[in-house]
C-alpha atoms as a PDB file:
ATOM      1  CA  MET A   1      86.718 139.416 134.052  1.00  0.00           C
ATOM      2  CA  PRO A   2      87.834 141.406 131.823  1.00  0.00           C
ATOM      3  CA  ASP A   3      86.480 141.296 128.167  1.00  0.00           C
ATOM      4  CA  ILE A   4      87.717 138.882 125.550  1.00  0.00           C
ATOM      5  CA  PRO A   5      87.790 139.681 122.007  1.00  0.00           C
ATOM      6  CA  PRO A   6      86.283 137.274 119.967  1.00  0.00           C
ATOM      7  CA  LEU A   7      88.207 135.189 117.406  1.00  0.00           C
ATOM      8  CA  ALA A   8      89.180 136.819 114.518  1.00  0.00           C
ATOM      9  CA  PRO A   9      88.164 135.003 111.483  1.00  0.00           C
ATOM     10  CA  GLN A  10      90.697 133.003 109.568  1.00  0.00           C
ATOM     11  CA  PRO A  11      89.183 132.849 105.952  1.00  0.00           C
ATOM     12  CA  GLN A  12      92.649 131.614 104.386  1.00  0.00           C
ATOM     13  CA  VAL A  13      92.145 128.429 106.631  1.00  0.00           C
ATOM     14  CA  LEU A  14      88.440 128.241 106.017  1.00  0.00           C
ATOM     15  CA  GLU A  15      89.831 128.857 102.270  1.00  0.00           C
ATOM     16  CA  PHE A  16      91.821 125.409 102.865  1.00  0.00           C
ATOM     17  CA  LEU A  17      89.889 123.315 104.971  1.00  0.00           C
ATOM     18  CA  LYS A  18      86.626 123.898 102.169  1.00  0.00           C
ATOM     19  CA  THR A  19      89.373 122.458  99.143  1.00  0.00           C
ATOM     20  CA  ARG A  20      91.751 120.342 101.091  1.00  0.00           C
ATOM     21  CA  ARG A  21      92.149 116.405  99.325  1.00  0.00           C
ATOM     22  CA  SER A  22      93.962 114.000 100.660  1.00  0.00           C
ATOM     23  CA  ARG A  23      96.387 112.539  98.220  1.00  0.00           C
ATOM     24  CA  PRO A  24      96.773 108.997  97.194  1.00  0.00           C
ATOM     25  CA  ALA A  25      99.416 107.267  98.844  1.00  0.00           C
ATOM     26  CA  LYS A  26     100.532 105.119  95.374  1.00  0.00           C
ATOM     27  CA  THR A  27     101.182 108.813  93.924  1.00  0.00           C
ATOM     28  CA  LEU A  28     103.266 110.452  96.921  1.00  0.00           C
ATOM     29  CA  ARG A  29     106.696 110.544  95.110  1.00  0.00           C
ATOM     30  CA  ALA A  30     110.222 112.004  96.725  1.00  0.00           C
ATOM     31  CA  PRO A  31     111.046 113.966  98.149  1.00  0.00           C
ATOM     32  CA  TYR A  32     109.805 113.182 101.403  1.00  0.00           C
ATOM     33  CA  PRO A  33     109.820 115.006 104.664  1.00  0.00           C
ATOM     34  CA  ASP A  34     112.748 114.191 106.601  1.00  0.00           C
ATOM     35  CA  ARG A  35     112.783 114.198 110.404  1.00  0.00           C
ATOM     36  CA  ALA A  36     112.821 118.385 111.035  1.00  0.00           C
ATOM     37  CA  ALA A  37     109.926 119.089 108.123  1.00  0.00           C
ATOM     38  CA  LEU A  38     108.212 116.133 109.953  1.00  0.00           C
ATOM     39  CA  GLU A  39     108.469 117.032 113.615  1.00  0.00           C
ATOM     40  CA  PRO A  40     106.272 120.595 113.560  1.00  0.00           C
ATOM     41  CA  LEU A  41     103.327 118.563 112.331  1.00  0.00           C
ATOM     42  CA  LEU A  42     103.919 115.837 114.675  1.00  0.00           C
ATOM     43  CA  GLU A  43     103.916 118.763 116.983  1.00  0.00           C
ATOM     44  CA  LEU A  44     100.514 119.943 115.294  1.00  0.00           C
ATOM     45  CA  ALA A  45      99.082 116.871 115.424  1.00  0.00           C
ATOM     46  CA  ALA A  46      99.513 116.317 118.647  1.00  0.00           C
ATOM     47  CA  ARG A  47      97.342 119.851 120.009  1.00  0.00           C
ATOM     48  CA  THR A  48      94.163 117.063 118.894  1.00  0.00           C
ATOM     49  CA  PRO A  49      91.470 117.342 121.528  1.00  0.00           C
ATOM     50  CA  ASP A  50      91.987 114.866 124.508  1.00  0.00           C
ATOM     51  CA  HIS A  51      89.856 114.247 127.029  1.00  0.00           C
ATOM     52  CA  GLY A  52      91.926 113.971 130.688  1.00  0.00           C
ATOM     53  CA  LYS A  53      95.232 115.040 129.170  1.00  0.00           C
ATOM     54  CA  LEU A  54      95.606 111.420 129.011  1.00  0.00           C
ATOM     55  CA  GLU A  55      97.865 111.443 125.378  1.00  0.00           C
ATOM     56  CA  PRO A  56      96.326 108.336 124.387  1.00  0.00           C
ATOM     57  CA  TRP A  57      98.074 108.123 120.963  1.00  0.00           C
ATOM     58  CA  ARG A  58     101.524 107.835 119.948  1.00  0.00           C
ATOM     59  CA  PHE A  59     103.715 107.894 116.943  1.00  0.00           C
ATOM     60  CA  ILE A  60     106.069 105.818 115.242  1.00  0.00           C
ATOM     61  CA  VAL A  61     107.924 107.290 112.007  1.00  0.00           C
ATOM     62  CA  LEU A  62     108.666 104.816 109.545  1.00  0.00           C
ATOM     63  CA  THR A  63     111.469 105.230 106.599  1.00  0.00           C
ATOM     64  CA  GLY A  64     113.986 103.289 105.012  1.00  0.00           C
ATOM     65  CA  THR A  65     114.296  99.539 105.701  1.00  0.00           C
ATOM     66  CA  ALA A  66     111.493  99.522 108.384  1.00  0.00           C
ATOM     67  CA  LEU A  67     109.058  99.964 105.423  1.00  0.00           C
ATOM     68  CA  SER A  68     110.392  97.164 103.646  1.00  0.00           C
ATOM     69  CA  ARG A  69     110.238  94.680 106.172  1.00  0.00           C
ATOM     70  CA  LEU A  70     106.830  95.748 106.862  1.00  0.00           C
ATOM     71  CA  ALA A  71     106.136  95.202 103.288  1.00  0.00           C
ATOM     72  CA  ILE A  72     107.424  91.843 103.418  1.00  0.00           C
ATOM     73  CA  MET A  73     105.163  91.169 106.584  1.00  0.00           C
ATOM     74  CA  THR A  74     101.980  91.847 104.972  1.00  0.00           C
ATOM     75  CA  GLN A  75     102.604  89.152 102.478  1.00  0.00           C
ATOM     76  CA  THR A  76     102.733  86.791 105.598  1.00  0.00           C
ATOM     77  CA  ARG A  77     100.015  88.109 107.837  1.00  0.00           C
ATOM     78  CA  GLY A  78      98.123  88.666 104.903  1.00  0.00           C
ATOM     79  CA  VAL A  79      98.302  84.812 103.908  1.00  0.00           C
ATOM     80  CA  ALA A  80      97.856  83.533 107.708  1.00  0.00           C
ATOM     81  CA  LEU A  81      95.024  86.037 107.795  1.00  0.00           C
ATOM     82  CA  GLY A  82      93.226  84.523 104.308  1.00  0.00           C
ATOM     83  CA  ILE A  83      93.304  87.885 102.589  1.00  0.00           C
ATOM     84  CA  SER A  84      92.609  87.669  99.078  1.00  0.00           C
ATOM     85  CA  PRO A  85      96.329  88.218  96.854  1.00  0.00           C
ATOM     86  CA  GLU A  86      94.835  91.239  95.507  1.00  0.00           C
ATOM     87  CA  LYS A  87      94.367  92.901  98.789  1.00  0.00           C
ATOM     88  CA  ILE A  88      97.849  91.528 100.146  1.00  0.00           C
ATOM     89  CA  GLU A  89      99.857  93.064  96.895  1.00  0.00           C
ATOM     90  CA  LYS A  90      97.718  96.180  97.617  1.00  0.00           C
ATOM     91  CA  ALA A  91      99.064  96.711 100.959  1.00  0.00           C
ATOM     92  CA  ARG A  92     102.583  95.280  99.820  1.00  0.00           C
ATOM     93  CA  ALA A  93     102.730  98.152  97.610  1.00  0.00           C
ATOM     94  CA  SER A  94     101.813 100.467  99.861  1.00  0.00           C
ATOM     95  CA  PHE A  95     104.872  99.522 102.345  1.00  0.00           C
ATOM     96  CA  GLU A  96     107.106  98.931  99.820  1.00  0.00           C
ATOM     97  CA  GLN A  97     106.609 102.236  97.238  1.00  0.00           C
ATOM     98  CA  ALA A  98     106.444 104.586 100.574  1.00  0.00           C
ATOM     99  CA  GLY A  99     109.371 106.902 101.722  1.00  0.00           C
ATOM    100  CA  CYS A 100     107.818 108.428 105.100  1.00  0.00           C
ATOM    101  CA  VAL A 101     104.860 106.656 106.779  1.00  0.00           C
ATOM    102  CA  VAL A 102     103.655 107.263 110.144  1.00  0.00           C
ATOM    103  CA  ALA A 103     102.297 105.168 111.889  1.00  0.00           C
ATOM    104  CA  VAL A 104      99.624 106.535 114.508  1.00  0.00           C
ATOM    105  CA  ILE A 105      99.086 104.286 117.306  1.00  0.00           C
ATOM    106  CA  ALA A 106      95.854 104.513 120.064  1.00  0.00           C
ATOM    107  CA  SER A 107      97.519 103.667 123.248  1.00  0.00           C
ATOM    108  CA  PRO A 108      94.569 103.701 125.939  1.00  0.00           C
ATOM    109  CA  LYS A 109      95.338 104.736 129.061  1.00  0.00           C
ATOM    110  CA  PRO A 110      93.460 103.339 132.376  1.00  0.00           C
ATOM    111  CA  SER A 111      91.197 106.060 133.697  1.00  0.00           C
ATOM    112  CA  GLU A 112      87.638 106.204 135.243  1.00  0.00           C
ATOM    113  CA  LYS A 113      86.568 109.033 133.914  1.00  0.00           C
ATOM    114  CA  ILE A 114      87.298 108.744 130.432  1.00  0.00           C
ATOM    115  CA  PRO A 115      85.487 105.644 128.472  1.00  0.00           C
ATOM    116  CA  LYS A 116      88.784 103.908 125.783  1.00  0.00           C
ATOM    117  CA  ILE A 117      86.353 104.794 123.263  1.00  0.00           C
ATOM    118  CA  GLU A 118      86.806 108.441 123.823  1.00  0.00           C
ATOM    119  CA  GLN A 119      90.387 108.377 123.678  1.00  0.00           C
ATOM    120  CA  GLN A 120      89.972 105.843 120.652  1.00  0.00           C
ATOM    121  CA  HIS A 121      87.893 109.207 118.898  1.00  0.00           C
ATOM    122  CA  SER A 122      91.443 111.176 120.154  1.00  0.00           C
ATOM    123  CA  ALA A 123      93.568 109.024 117.855  1.00  0.00           C
ATOM    124  CA  GLY A 124      90.975 109.140 115.079  1.00  0.00           C
ATOM    125  CA  ALA A 125      91.475 112.939 115.073  1.00  0.00           C
ATOM    126  CA  VAL A 126      95.163 113.034 115.627  1.00  0.00           C
ATOM    127  CA  CYS A 127      95.789 111.122 111.976  1.00  0.00           C
ATOM    128  CA  LEU A 128      93.320 113.545 110.631  1.00  0.00           C
ATOM    129  CA  ALA A 129      95.214 116.443 111.898  1.00  0.00           C
ATOM    130  CA  LEU A 130      98.732 115.099 110.258  1.00  0.00           C
ATOM    131  CA  VAL A 131      97.210 114.722 107.182  1.00  0.00           C
ATOM    132  CA  ASN A 132      95.831 118.703 107.039  1.00  0.00           C
ATOM    133  CA  ALA A 133      99.004 119.603 108.590  1.00  0.00           C
ATOM    134  CA  ALA A 134     100.886 117.730 106.046  1.00  0.00           C
ATOM    135  CA  LEU A 135      98.671 119.103 103.462  1.00  0.00           C
ATOM    136  CA  ALA A 136      98.648 122.539 104.782  1.00  0.00           C
ATOM    137  CA  ALA A 137     102.476 122.151 104.648  1.00  0.00           C
ATOM    138  CA  GLY A 138     102.567 121.690 101.141  1.00  0.00           C
ATOM    139  CA  TRP A 139     103.030 117.518 100.960  1.00  0.00           C
ATOM    140  CA  GLY A 140     100.715 115.269  99.814  1.00  0.00           C
ATOM    141  CA  ALA A 141      99.394 112.992 102.356  1.00  0.00           C
ATOM    142  CA  ASN A 142      96.745 109.976 103.198  1.00  0.00           C
ATOM    143  CA  TRP A 143      95.435 108.494 105.712  1.00  0.00           C
ATOM    144  CA  LEU A 144      95.882 104.565 105.069  1.00  0.00           C
ATOM    145  CA  THR A 145      94.488 101.563 107.130  1.00  0.00           C
ATOM    146  CA  GLY A 146      93.496  97.981 105.966  1.00  0.00           C
ATOM    147  CA  TYR A 147      94.475  94.395 107.453  1.00  0.00           C
ATOM    148  CA  THR A 148      97.605  95.616 108.930  1.00  0.00           C
ATOM    149  CA  ALA A 149      96.280  97.785 110.524  1.00  0.00           C
ATOM    150  CA  HIS A 150      93.339  95.831 112.504  1.00  0.00           C
ATOM    151  CA  ASP A 151      95.989  92.574 113.021  1.00  0.00           C
ATOM    152  CA  ALA A 152      97.381  92.191 116.390  1.00  0.00           C
ATOM    153  CA  ASP A 153     100.365  89.821 115.249  1.00  0.00           C
ATOM    154  CA  PHE A 154     101.162  92.862 112.890  1.00  0.00           C
ATOM    155  CA  GLY A 155     101.160  95.424 115.288  1.00  0.00           C
ATOM    156  CA  ALA A 156     102.773  93.336 117.761  1.00  0.00           C
ATOM    157  CA  GLU A 157     105.674  91.256 115.647  1.00  0.00           C
ATOM    158  CA  GLY A 158     105.980  94.618 113.027  1.00  0.00           C
ATOM    159  CA  LEU A 159     105.676  97.765 115.356  1.00  0.00           C
ATOM    160  CA  GLY A 160     106.359  96.412 118.773  1.00  0.00           C
ATOM    161  CA  LEU A 161     102.460  97.583 119.515  1.00  0.00           C
ATOM    162  CA  SER A 162     101.452  96.607 123.276  1.00  0.00           C
ATOM    163  CA  ASN A 163      98.090  94.368 123.899  1.00  0.00           C
ATOM    164  CA  SER A 164      96.315  97.080 124.515  1.00  0.00           C
ATOM    165  CA  GLU A 165      97.538  99.426 122.011  1.00  0.00           C
ATOM    166  CA  THR A 166      95.939  99.077 117.839  1.00  0.00           C
ATOM    167  CA  VAL A 167      96.798 101.628 114.711  1.00  0.00           C
ATOM    168  CA  ALA A 168      94.673 104.358 114.336  1.00  0.00           C
ATOM    169  CA  GLY A 169      95.922 105.023 110.627  1.00  0.00           C
ATOM    170  CA  PHE A 170      99.086 104.768 108.306  1.00  0.00           C
ATOM    171  CA  ILE A 171      99.071 108.517 107.421  1.00  0.00           C
ATOM    172  CA  HIS A 172     101.795 108.156 104.358  1.00  0.00           C
ATOM    173  CA  ILE A 173     103.251 111.962 103.443  1.00  0.00           C
ATOM    174  CA  GLY A 174     105.334 112.414 100.513  1.00  0.00           C
ATOM    175  CA  THR A 175     105.272 114.969  97.288  1.00  0.00           C
ATOM    176  CA  GLU A 176     102.567 114.793  95.407  1.00  0.00           C
ATOM    177  CA  GLY A 177     103.257 113.094  91.818  1.00  0.00           C
ATOM    178  CA  ALA A 178      99.743 113.613  90.475  1.00  0.00           C
ATOM    179  CA  VAL A 179      96.309 116.017  91.454  1.00  0.00           C
ATOM    180  CA  PRO A 180      93.639 113.846  91.935  1.00  0.00           C
ATOM    181  CA  PRO A 181      90.191 114.885  90.400  1.00  0.00           C
ATOM    182  CA  GLU A 182      88.090 116.380  92.497  1.00  0.00           C
ATOM    183  CA  ARG A 183      85.486 113.394  94.714  1.00  0.00           C
ATOM    184  CA  PRO A 184      81.763 113.898  95.341  1.00  0.00           C
ATOM    185  CA  ARG A 185      81.127 114.970  98.586  1.00  0.00           C
ATOM    186  CA  PRO A 186      78.123 114.350 100.807  1.00  0.00           C
ATOM    187  CA  ASP A 187      74.886 116.017 100.259  1.00  0.00           C
ATOM    188  CA  LEU A 188      74.542 118.011 103.895  1.00  0.00           C
ATOM    189  CA  SER A 189      71.093 118.107 103.659  1.00  0.00           C
ATOM    190  CA  ALA A 190      70.817 114.221 104.202  1.00  0.00           C
ATOM    191  CA  ILE A 191      73.031 113.873 106.632  1.00  0.00           C
ATOM    192  CA  THR A 192      72.057 116.950 109.047  1.00  0.00           C
ATOM    193  CA  GLN A 193      69.382 117.357 111.683  1.00  0.00           C
ATOM    194  CA  TRP A 194      68.639 120.797 113.264  1.00  0.00           C
ATOM    195  CA  VAL A 195      66.802 120.325 116.581  1.00  0.00           C
ATOM    196  CA  SER A 196      65.590 123.576 118.369  1.00  0.00           C
ATOM    197  CA  GLU A 197      63.444 122.131 121.235  1.00  0.00           C
END
C-alpha cells in the first residue's frame, strides 16, 4: 500500500472550535438565511458520523407562517400538558420571533446492527454540526429543545412526524443581534479520567 501522508493541521479550525459560542435565539435578527444560503449548511450537517449509513435523521426547514402556526400550537399544547405560563410564553416567543428554524428530526431506521440509541446520538450530532456550520458561515445560531421537542402530539400535528420520529433539536439561525458574554466552561480535570492500563 502506498504511504498515506498525515492530515495537515488546520489551526484556523481549532481556533474556531476554541472560541465558538452559540447565540441566544432571542437575539437573532433579519436577514435570515434563504434556501441558497441554507442548503450548503444542511449538506455540511449531513456529513455527521452515521453508523451503518442509515441516515436516521432528516430536516424540516421552518419559515414564514409555519413559525406563526407553531407559535400558536405551543400555547394549546402547553396548556394541555400543564406547562407553566412562563415556559409556554418562552416557547411561543421562540417560534413567533424567529425567521428561520431547522427542525432536526431523529428518524431511526430498522436495523439489526445499529441500535436506536446510536441513531439518536447521530441525530444529536447533526444538531451540533448544523450550529457549527452556521456559526462558521457567519450566522448566529442556537440549538433549542423544550417541551415542544418532546411532545409527540406537537410533533405529529405541527410537523407531521411519524410515531417513531422525534425532534432532536430546533436550530435557530439568523443574523447576530448581540454578542453574548463568555460563559463558564467545564473544568477539564473534573470531567476527564486518563486510563493507561
